[in-house]
Amino acid sequence: MKHWRAAVLLLLGLLAAGLVASPAQAAPPQLEARAWALIEARTGDVLASHAARRRLPVASTTKLMTAYVSLRELPLGQLVETRPYDSIFGESLLEVPPGTRISVRDLLYGLILRSGNDSAHDLAISAAGSVPRFVGQMNRYAAALGLTDTHYANPIGLDQKGNFSSALDLTALARRLLRNPAFAKIADSRTAVLRSQRPPRRIETLNDFLVAVPWATGVKTGHTFGAGYVLVGSGKRKGVELISAVLGAWTESARDGETERLLDYGFSKYRKRVPVRRGEALARPSIRYGDGELPLRASRRVAVGVRRGQRLRTAVRAPAEVEGPLRRGAALGRVAVYVGGSRIATVPLRAAHDVPAPTTLDRARGFAGDNALWLALAGFAILIGATIGRRLKR
């Protein structure tokens, strides 16, 4: 028993001295894949990587750029006509008959959830008039986004010379896409109803990782003989979102498992903090022409994940003084939450109670209080003037 106690005390001492890695400081996992990368979504910081700039075929994760260009070039509600698509055996398809009118939104669901090669073909022609012109747009957008290890030869991801990307470029592109609420909703969907179809049609995702992992939020799978199994994944836990890319795994189950391992490692580096709580009074401006203060309360809670070395701070902007009439719930300021140099949330501050309009008497009292010194000086001057006047008259 004494030996066990001594060993535990020694281990605790080593941990305190930093000589033994704690779980949050553990080395990144070594995955069974050709390349991988893991980043924090809000900052873009790289948390783990291996061969992350190696140019590799990326299969249907190519469709992330197809989605990006389509979102930039086409309104979501626009109806487009599907075109004939010559598929080969084994291709993933949405299977909408040629000549059908379908919304861009529904094609994007088909592109991401079903990995529809025909959806990619239809979006490309609708956005640019032809597939080659669309591929040119893909490469121009890739250059504009700084994806230096990326080039496209088709909008689908079929193995073709000149169609490649890297783990870091895929995470950077996914990060940009997930800032778009419409895309984030699509990527996080296990099922979807294509409402522009008659009758409406329900589809389910092919992304088993998204289905199996409760905290997963996307993003896109891929597989070809040249690329192996590829997955751009994302998840939210502990108040932070992480994005991963695993390229060239040997099996689908290995790809999903390695993605979960990588994200689990990333989340182990964070602890959840709550810098703003709903209903918390973060400012108390004085009430003009009245007594007391008006508490300004946060309208919602903010929970954030913070890792070692990141500074968490809040900045409150609110008036020093308020004047009625004001209704309870009126927005009168805001609090911003920063992690490092990045602002990650802004929360309105709202009045805790009504403030009535000041009466004439209130204003008079307020004026007297605000100008007491000047009124006293004016009264003194009048008194002196009257005294001098009386003496001169005598």
Protein backbone atom coordinates (compact mmCIF):
# COMPACT_ATOMS: atom_id res chain seq x y z
CA MET A 1 0.00 0.00 0.00
CA LYS A 2 2.86 2.37 0.88
CA HIS A 3 4.53 1.64 -2.46
CA TRP A 4 1.30 2.40 -4.37
CA ARG A 5 0.89 5.66 -2.44
CA ALA A 6 4.47 6.65 -3.17
CA ALA A 7 4.03 5.87 -6.88
CA VAL A 8 0.84 7.95 -7.09
CA LEU A 9 2.53 10.87 -5.31
CA LEU A 10 5.51 10.61 -7.66
CA LEU A 11 3.26 10.60 -10.74
CA LEU A 12 1.35 13.62 -9.46
CA GLY A 13 4.61 15.41 -8.86
CA LEU A 14 5.82 14.64 -12.39
CA LEU A 15 2.54 15.86 -13.85
CA ALA A 16 2.82 19.08 -11.88
CA ALA A 17 6.38 19.55 -13.09
CA GLY A 18 5.34 18.90 -16.69
CA LEU A 19 7.63 15.87 -17.07
CA VAL A 20 4.77 13.50 -17.87
CA ALA A 21 2.11 14.40 -20.41
CA SER A 22 -1.42 14.77 -19.09
CA PRO A 23 -4.28 13.45 -21.33
CA ALA A 24 -4.84 16.97 -22.71
CA GLN A 25 -1.14 17.11 -23.68
CA ALA A 26 -0.99 13.63 -25.22
CA ALA A 27 0.76 13.26 -28.57
CA PRO A 28 -1.49 13.30 -31.66
CA PRO A 29 -2.60 9.85 -32.80
CA GLN A 30 -0.86 8.14 -35.70
CA LEU A 31 -3.58 7.13 -38.13
CA GLU A 32 -3.78 4.38 -40.71
CA ALA A 33 -4.10 6.78 -43.66
CA ARG A 34 -1.95 8.57 -46.21
CA ALA A 35 -2.50 12.06 -44.80
CA TRP A 36 -4.61 13.92 -42.27
CA ALA A 37 -5.17 17.30 -40.67
CA LEU A 38 -7.16 18.67 -37.76
CA ILE A 39 -8.03 22.36 -37.27
CA GLU A 40 -10.09 24.54 -34.96
CA ALA A 41 -12.99 25.98 -36.94
CA ARG A 42 -13.13 29.42 -35.33
CA THR A 43 -9.41 30.26 -35.67
CA GLY A 44 -8.07 27.88 -38.31
CA ASP A 45 -5.30 26.78 -35.92
CA VAL A 46 -3.78 23.41 -36.89
CA LEU A 47 -3.99 20.97 -33.97
CA ALA A 48 -2.54 17.88 -35.64
CA SER A 49 -1.36 16.88 -39.10
CA HIS A 50 0.58 14.35 -41.13
CA ALA A 51 1.62 14.86 -44.76
CA ALA A 52 -1.00 17.59 -44.65
CA ARG A 53 0.27 19.37 -47.77
CA ARG A 54 0.72 16.23 -49.82
CA ARG A 55 -1.23 16.46 -53.07
CA LEU A 56 -3.53 13.47 -53.32
CA PRO A 57 -6.68 12.41 -55.17
CA VAL A 58 -9.62 13.25 -52.93
CA ALA A 59 -12.58 11.49 -54.56
CA SER A 60 -16.01 13.02 -53.82
CA THR A 61 -14.68 15.55 -51.35
CA THR A 62 -14.06 17.42 -54.62
CA LYS A 63 -17.78 18.18 -54.36
CA LEU A 64 -17.06 20.60 -51.51
CA MET A 65 -15.72 23.04 -54.10
CA THR A 66 -18.65 22.21 -56.39
CA ALA A 67 -20.92 23.27 -53.51
CA TYR A 68 -18.86 26.40 -52.79
CA VAL A 69 -19.00 27.63 -56.40
CA SER A 70 -22.70 26.79 -56.70
CA LEU A 71 -23.51 28.73 -53.54
CA ARG A 72 -21.64 31.73 -54.92
CA GLU A 73 -23.14 31.58 -58.42
CA LEU A 74 -26.72 30.35 -57.95
CA PRO A 75 -29.63 31.38 -55.66
CA LEU A 76 -30.76 28.50 -53.45
CA GLY A 77 -34.38 28.85 -54.50
CA GLN A 78 -33.70 28.93 -58.24
CA LEU A 79 -35.25 26.10 -60.23
CA VAL A 80 -32.96 24.48 -62.78
CA GLU A 81 -33.45 21.71 -65.29
CA THR A 82 -31.64 18.41 -64.86
CA ARG A 83 -29.53 17.24 -67.80
CA PRO A 84 -28.74 13.77 -69.14
CA TYR A 85 -25.78 12.23 -67.33
CA ASP A 86 -23.96 9.12 -68.60
CA SER A 87 -23.08 7.25 -65.43
CA ILE A 88 -21.04 4.11 -65.05
CA PHE A 89 -21.74 1.20 -62.74
CA GLY A 90 -21.22 1.98 -59.07
CA GLU A 91 -21.49 5.77 -59.28
CA SER A 92 -23.41 7.56 -56.53
CA LEU A 93 -26.48 9.27 -58.00
CA LEU A 94 -29.46 11.33 -56.88
CA GLU A 95 -31.38 9.79 -59.80
CA VAL A 96 -33.63 12.64 -60.90
CA PRO A 97 -34.90 12.09 -64.48
CA PRO A 98 -33.50 14.47 -67.15
CA GLY A 99 -35.71 17.46 -67.86
CA THR A 100 -36.96 17.68 -64.26
CA ARG A 101 -37.24 21.10 -62.63
CA ILE A 102 -35.47 21.05 -59.26
CA SER A 103 -34.20 23.72 -56.89
CA VAL A 104 -30.52 24.47 -56.36
CA ARG A 105 -31.07 23.77 -52.65
CA ASP A 106 -32.34 20.26 -53.37
CA LEU A 107 -29.45 19.59 -55.75
CA LEU A 108 -27.04 20.60 -52.98
CA TYR A 109 -28.72 18.14 -50.62
CA GLY A 110 -28.32 15.49 -53.29
CA LEU A 111 -24.69 16.51 -53.79
CA ILE A 112 -23.71 16.30 -50.11
CA LEU A 113 -26.03 13.65 -48.63
CA ARG A 114 -26.15 11.24 -51.59
CA SER A 115 -22.84 12.31 -53.17
CA GLY A 116 -24.79 12.54 -56.41
CA ASN A 117 -22.51 12.73 -59.42
CA ASP A 118 -25.53 13.71 -61.50
CA SER A 119 -26.23 16.54 -59.01
CA ALA A 120 -22.67 17.82 -59.50
CA HIS A 121 -23.13 17.66 -63.28
CA ASP A 122 -26.43 19.59 -63.11
CA LEU A 123 -25.04 22.27 -60.79
CA ALA A 124 -21.99 22.75 -63.00
CA ILE A 125 -24.02 23.32 -66.18
CA SER A 126 -26.57 25.52 -64.38
CA ALA A 127 -23.86 27.73 -62.87
CA ALA A 128 -21.47 28.05 -65.82
CA GLY A 129 -23.21 26.73 -68.93
CA SER A 130 -20.82 23.80 -69.33
CA VAL A 131 -18.72 21.47 -67.20
CA PRO A 132 -15.33 22.76 -68.52
CA ARG A 133 -16.27 26.38 -67.75
CA PHE A 134 -17.42 25.33 -64.27
CA VAL A 135 -14.10 23.55 -63.64
CA GLY A 136 -12.37 26.80 -64.58
CA GLN A 137 -14.46 28.58 -61.95
CA MET A 138 -13.53 25.93 -59.38
CA ASN A 139 -9.83 26.55 -59.96
CA ARG A 140 -10.22 30.32 -59.85
CA TYR A 141 -12.06 30.11 -56.53
CA ALA A 142 -9.43 27.70 -55.18
CA ALA A 143 -6.69 30.20 -56.04
CA ALA A 144 -8.67 33.07 -54.49
CA LEU A 145 -9.10 31.07 -51.27
CA GLY A 146 -5.37 30.36 -51.06
CA LEU A 147 -5.71 26.61 -51.63
CA THR A 148 -2.21 26.24 -53.04
CA ASP A 149 -2.19 22.42 -53.06
CA THR A 150 -5.50 22.05 -54.90
CA HIS A 151 -6.46 21.72 -58.55
CA TYR A 152 -9.62 20.41 -60.17
CA ALA A 153 -10.23 18.54 -63.42
CA ASN A 154 -13.90 17.71 -62.85
CA PRO A 155 -16.69 18.73 -60.44
CA ILE A 156 -17.35 15.16 -59.27
CA GLY A 157 -14.09 13.76 -57.91
CA LEU A 158 -13.56 10.89 -60.33
CA ASP A 159 -9.91 9.86 -60.63
CA GLN A 160 -8.40 12.10 -63.30
CA LYS A 161 -5.01 13.68 -63.81
CA GLY A 162 -5.02 17.19 -62.39
CA ASN A 163 -7.76 16.54 -59.80
CA PHE A 164 -6.13 16.68 -56.37
CA SER A 165 -6.07 18.47 -53.05
CA SER A 166 -4.44 18.15 -49.63
CA ALA A 167 -5.65 17.51 -46.10
CA LEU A 168 -4.98 21.11 -45.04
CA ASP A 169 -6.69 22.58 -48.09
CA LEU A 170 -9.75 20.40 -47.51
CA THR A 171 -10.07 21.53 -43.90
CA ALA A 172 -9.63 25.17 -44.95
CA LEU A 173 -12.35 24.83 -47.62
CA ALA A 174 -14.70 23.06 -45.19
CA ARG A 175 -14.09 25.81 -42.63
CA ARG A 176 -15.10 28.45 -45.19
CA LEU A 177 -18.20 26.46 -46.22
CA LEU A 178 -19.37 25.86 -42.65
CA ARG A 179 -19.55 29.63 -42.12
CA ASN A 180 -22.48 29.57 -44.55
CA PRO A 181 -25.59 28.67 -42.50
CA ALA A 182 -27.29 27.05 -45.50
CA PHE A 183 -24.36 24.74 -46.17
CA ALA A 184 -23.83 23.99 -42.46
CA LYS A 185 -27.45 22.84 -42.26
CA ILE A 186 -27.05 20.61 -45.30
CA ALA A 187 -23.78 19.08 -44.06
CA ASP A 188 -25.32 18.31 -40.65
CA SER A 189 -28.45 16.62 -42.07
CA ARG A 190 -28.98 12.91 -41.64
CA THR A 191 -32.07 13.07 -43.84
CA ALA A 192 -33.69 15.68 -46.06
CA VAL A 193 -36.92 16.20 -47.97
CA LEU A 194 -36.55 17.47 -51.54
CA ARG A 195 -39.54 19.81 -51.56
CA SER A 196 -39.15 21.04 -55.12
CA GLN A 197 -39.99 17.51 -56.30
CA ARG A 198 -43.56 16.36 -56.93
CA PRO A 199 -44.29 14.49 -54.79
CA PRO A 200 -41.66 15.58 -52.22
CA ARG A 201 -38.93 12.96 -51.85
CA ARG A 202 -36.98 11.97 -48.74
CA ILE A 203 -33.30 11.07 -48.97
CA GLU A 204 -30.80 9.82 -46.38
CA THR A 205 -27.10 10.54 -46.03
CA LEU A 206 -24.42 8.05 -47.06
CA ASN A 207 -22.13 9.46 -44.35
CA ASP A 208 -22.07 6.70 -41.72
CA PHE A 209 -19.76 8.77 -39.50
CA LEU A 210 -22.40 11.51 -39.29
CA VAL A 211 -25.09 8.95 -38.43
CA ALA A 212 -23.06 7.03 -35.84
CA VAL A 213 -21.42 9.89 -33.90
CA PRO A 214 -23.90 12.07 -31.97
CA TRP A 215 -21.70 15.18 -31.89
CA ALA A 216 -20.69 15.00 -35.57
CA THR A 217 -21.77 17.92 -37.77
CA GLY A 218 -20.58 16.78 -41.22
CA VAL A 219 -19.10 17.06 -43.73
CA LYS A 220 -18.36 14.88 -46.82
CA THR A 221 -17.23 11.36 -47.67
CA GLY A 222 -15.39 10.12 -50.74
CA HIS A 223 -14.02 6.95 -52.28
CA THR A 224 -12.32 5.96 -55.52
CA PHE A 225 -9.67 3.35 -56.30
CA GLY A 226 -7.05 6.07 -56.65
CA ALA A 227 -8.00 8.06 -53.55
CA GLY A 228 -8.92 5.24 -51.20
CA TYR A 229 -11.41 6.22 -48.51
CA VAL A 230 -11.57 9.94 -47.71
CA LEU A 231 -13.58 11.85 -45.11
CA VAL A 232 -13.77 15.51 -44.24
CA GLY A 233 -15.37 15.45 -40.78
CA SER A 234 -16.49 18.00 -38.25
CA GLY A 235 -17.94 17.97 -34.77
CA LYS A 236 -18.99 20.20 -31.89
CA ARG A 237 -18.19 19.46 -28.26
CA LYS A 238 -17.14 21.48 -25.22
CA GLY A 239 -18.20 24.70 -26.89
CA VAL A 240 -15.83 24.38 -29.86
CA GLU A 241 -16.07 23.02 -33.42
CA LEU A 242 -13.20 21.07 -34.99
CA ILE A 243 -12.71 20.06 -38.63
CA SER A 244 -10.70 17.07 -39.81
CA ALA A 245 -9.61 15.53 -43.09
CA VAL A 246 -8.46 11.91 -43.38
CA LEU A 247 -7.16 10.90 -46.83
CA GLY A 248 -6.35 7.47 -48.16
CA ALA A 249 -7.67 5.12 -45.47
CA TRP A 250 -7.86 1.47 -46.49
CA THR A 251 -11.49 0.77 -45.58
CA GLU A 252 -14.64 2.74 -44.93
CA SER A 253 -14.81 1.65 -41.28
CA ALA A 254 -11.13 2.54 -40.78
CA ARG A 255 -11.73 5.98 -42.30
CA ASP A 256 -14.64 6.66 -39.94
CA GLY A 257 -12.84 5.26 -36.91
CA GLU A 258 -9.65 7.20 -37.59
CA THR A 259 -11.66 10.39 -38.07
CA GLU A 260 -13.31 9.88 -34.68
CA ARG A 261 -9.91 9.20 -33.05
CA LEU A 262 -8.49 12.38 -34.53
CA LEU A 263 -11.41 14.53 -33.42
CA ASP A 264 -11.43 12.93 -29.96
CA TYR A 265 -7.78 13.88 -29.59
CA GLY A 266 -8.57 17.45 -30.56
CA PHE A 267 -11.45 17.78 -28.12
CA SER A 268 -9.27 16.41 -25.30
CA LYS A 269 -7.24 19.61 -25.52
CA TYR A 270 -10.22 21.83 -24.60
CA ARG A 271 -12.19 22.60 -21.48
CA LYS A 272 -15.61 24.16 -21.52
CA ARG A 273 -16.05 27.64 -20.06
CA VAL A 274 -19.21 29.74 -19.67
CA PRO A 275 -18.17 33.43 -19.75
CA VAL A 276 -21.74 34.69 -20.21
CA ARG A 277 -24.86 33.29 -18.52
CA ARG A 278 -28.40 34.07 -19.56
CA GLY A 279 -29.98 36.66 -17.28
CA GLU A 280 -26.64 37.75 -15.81
CA ALA A 281 -26.49 41.52 -15.14
CA LEU A 282 -23.37 42.73 -16.92
CA ALA A 283 -24.00 46.50 -16.75
CA ARG A 284 -25.94 48.83 -14.44
CA PRO A 285 -26.38 52.29 -16.00
CA SER A 286 -27.87 54.99 -13.82
CA ILE A 287 -31.41 56.23 -14.57
CA ARG A 288 -31.51 59.90 -15.49
CA TYR A 289 -34.11 61.97 -13.59
CA GLY A 290 -34.67 58.98 -11.33
CA ASP A 291 -33.19 57.00 -8.50
CA GLY A 292 -31.22 53.80 -8.79
CA GLU A 293 -29.81 51.82 -11.71
CA LEU A 294 -31.16 49.70 -14.56
CA PRO A 295 -29.63 46.21 -14.72
CA LEU A 296 -28.82 45.11 -18.28
CA ARG A 297 -28.99 41.32 -18.54
CA ALA A 298 -27.46 38.95 -21.10
CA SER A 299 -30.12 37.60 -23.45
CA ARG A 300 -28.49 34.20 -23.89
CA ARG A 301 -25.78 31.91 -22.58
CA VAL A 302 -22.39 31.52 -24.23
CA ALA A 303 -20.32 28.37 -23.72
CA VAL A 304 -16.88 28.13 -25.32
CA GLY A 305 -14.07 25.65 -25.48
CA VAL A 306 -10.66 26.97 -24.49
CA ARG A 307 -7.37 25.15 -24.81
CA ARG A 308 -4.09 25.80 -23.03
CA GLY A 309 -2.54 29.11 -24.03
CA GLN A 310 -5.78 30.67 -25.30
CA ARG A 311 -7.01 33.78 -23.50
CA LEU A 312 -10.74 34.11 -22.86
CA ARG A 313 -12.14 37.60 -22.26
CA THR A 314 -15.38 39.57 -22.48
CA ALA A 315 -15.92 43.18 -23.50
CA VAL A 316 -19.12 45.00 -22.46
CA ARG A 317 -20.42 48.02 -24.35
CA ALA A 318 -23.36 49.72 -22.65
CA PRO A 319 -24.49 53.29 -21.82
CA ALA A 320 -23.45 54.80 -18.52
CA GLU A 321 -26.88 56.45 -18.19
CA VAL A 322 -30.35 55.76 -19.60
CA GLU A 323 -33.56 57.76 -19.72
CA GLY A 324 -37.15 56.55 -19.89
CA PRO A 325 -39.48 55.64 -21.30
CA LEU A 326 -37.96 52.18 -21.76
CA ARG A 327 -39.66 48.81 -21.98
CA ARG A 328 -38.41 45.71 -20.28
CA GLY A 329 -36.32 43.70 -22.77
CA ALA A 330 -35.12 46.73 -24.75
CA ALA A 331 -31.64 46.13 -26.19
CA LEU A 332 -29.32 48.70 -24.65
CA GLY A 333 -25.85 47.26 -25.12
CA ARG A 334 -23.94 44.12 -25.89
CA VAL A 335 -21.20 41.86 -24.60
CA ALA A 336 -18.62 40.35 -26.95
CA VAL A 337 -16.72 37.14 -26.15
CA TYR A 338 -13.17 36.73 -27.44
CA VAL A 339 -10.91 33.70 -27.51
CA GLY A 340 -7.42 34.86 -28.34
CA GLY A 341 -7.89 37.59 -30.91
CA SER A 342 -11.07 36.12 -32.41
CA ARG A 343 -14.53 37.35 -31.52
CA ILE A 344 -16.68 34.26 -31.29
CA ALA A 345 -19.99 35.60 -29.97
CA THR A 346 -21.90 38.83 -29.44
CA VAL A 347 -24.86 38.86 -27.05
CA PRO A 348 -27.39 41.71 -26.66
CA LEU A 349 -27.92 43.18 -23.20
CA ARG A 350 -31.56 43.88 -22.36
CA ALA A 351 -33.32 46.05 -19.81
CA ALA A 352 -34.34 44.10 -16.72
CA HIS A 353 -37.50 46.19 -16.11
CA ASP A 354 -39.56 49.10 -17.42
CA VAL A 355 -38.35 52.67 -16.90
CA PRO A 356 -41.19 55.25 -17.03
CA ALA A 357 -40.85 58.59 -18.76
CA PRO A 358 -39.68 61.34 -16.35
CA THR A 359 -42.29 63.87 -15.18
CA THR A 360 -41.79 67.64 -15.40
CA LEU A 361 -41.02 67.66 -11.68
CA ASP A 362 -38.44 64.88 -12.19
CA ARG A 363 -36.78 66.91 -14.94
CA ALA A 364 -36.77 70.05 -12.75
CA ARG A 365 -35.21 68.14 -9.89
CA GLY A 366 -32.72 66.58 -12.25
CA PHE A 367 -31.82 69.94 -13.74
CA ALA A 368 -31.37 71.39 -10.27
CA GLY A 369 -29.20 68.48 -9.21
CA ASP A 370 -27.11 68.53 -12.39
CA ASN A 371 -26.56 72.30 -12.17
CA ALA A 372 -26.47 72.87 -8.39
CA LEU A 373 -23.06 74.57 -8.46
CA TRP A 374 -23.99 76.94 -11.28
CA LEU A 375 -27.35 77.75 -9.70
CA ALA A 376 -25.59 78.51 -6.41
CA LEU A 377 -23.10 80.77 -8.16
CA ALA A 378 -25.89 82.49 -10.07
CA GLY A 379 -27.83 83.04 -6.84
CA PHE A 380 -24.73 84.38 -5.16
CA ALA A 381 -24.10 86.74 -8.06
CA ILE A 382 -27.70 87.98 -7.92
CA LEU A 383 -27.40 88.56 -4.17
CA ILE A 384 -24.15 90.49 -4.60
CA GLY A 385 -25.67 92.54 -7.41
CA ALA A 386 -28.73 93.38 -5.34
CA THR A 387 -26.56 94.39 -2.39
CA ILE A 388 -24.40 96.64 -4.55
CA GLY A 389 -27.50 98.13 -6.13
CA ARG A 390 -29.01 99.01 -2.78
CA ARG A 391 -25.79 100.65 -1.63
CA LEU A 392 -25.53 102.71 -4.82
CA LYS A 393 -29.15 103.83 -4.45
CA ARG A 394 -28.42 105.04 -0.90
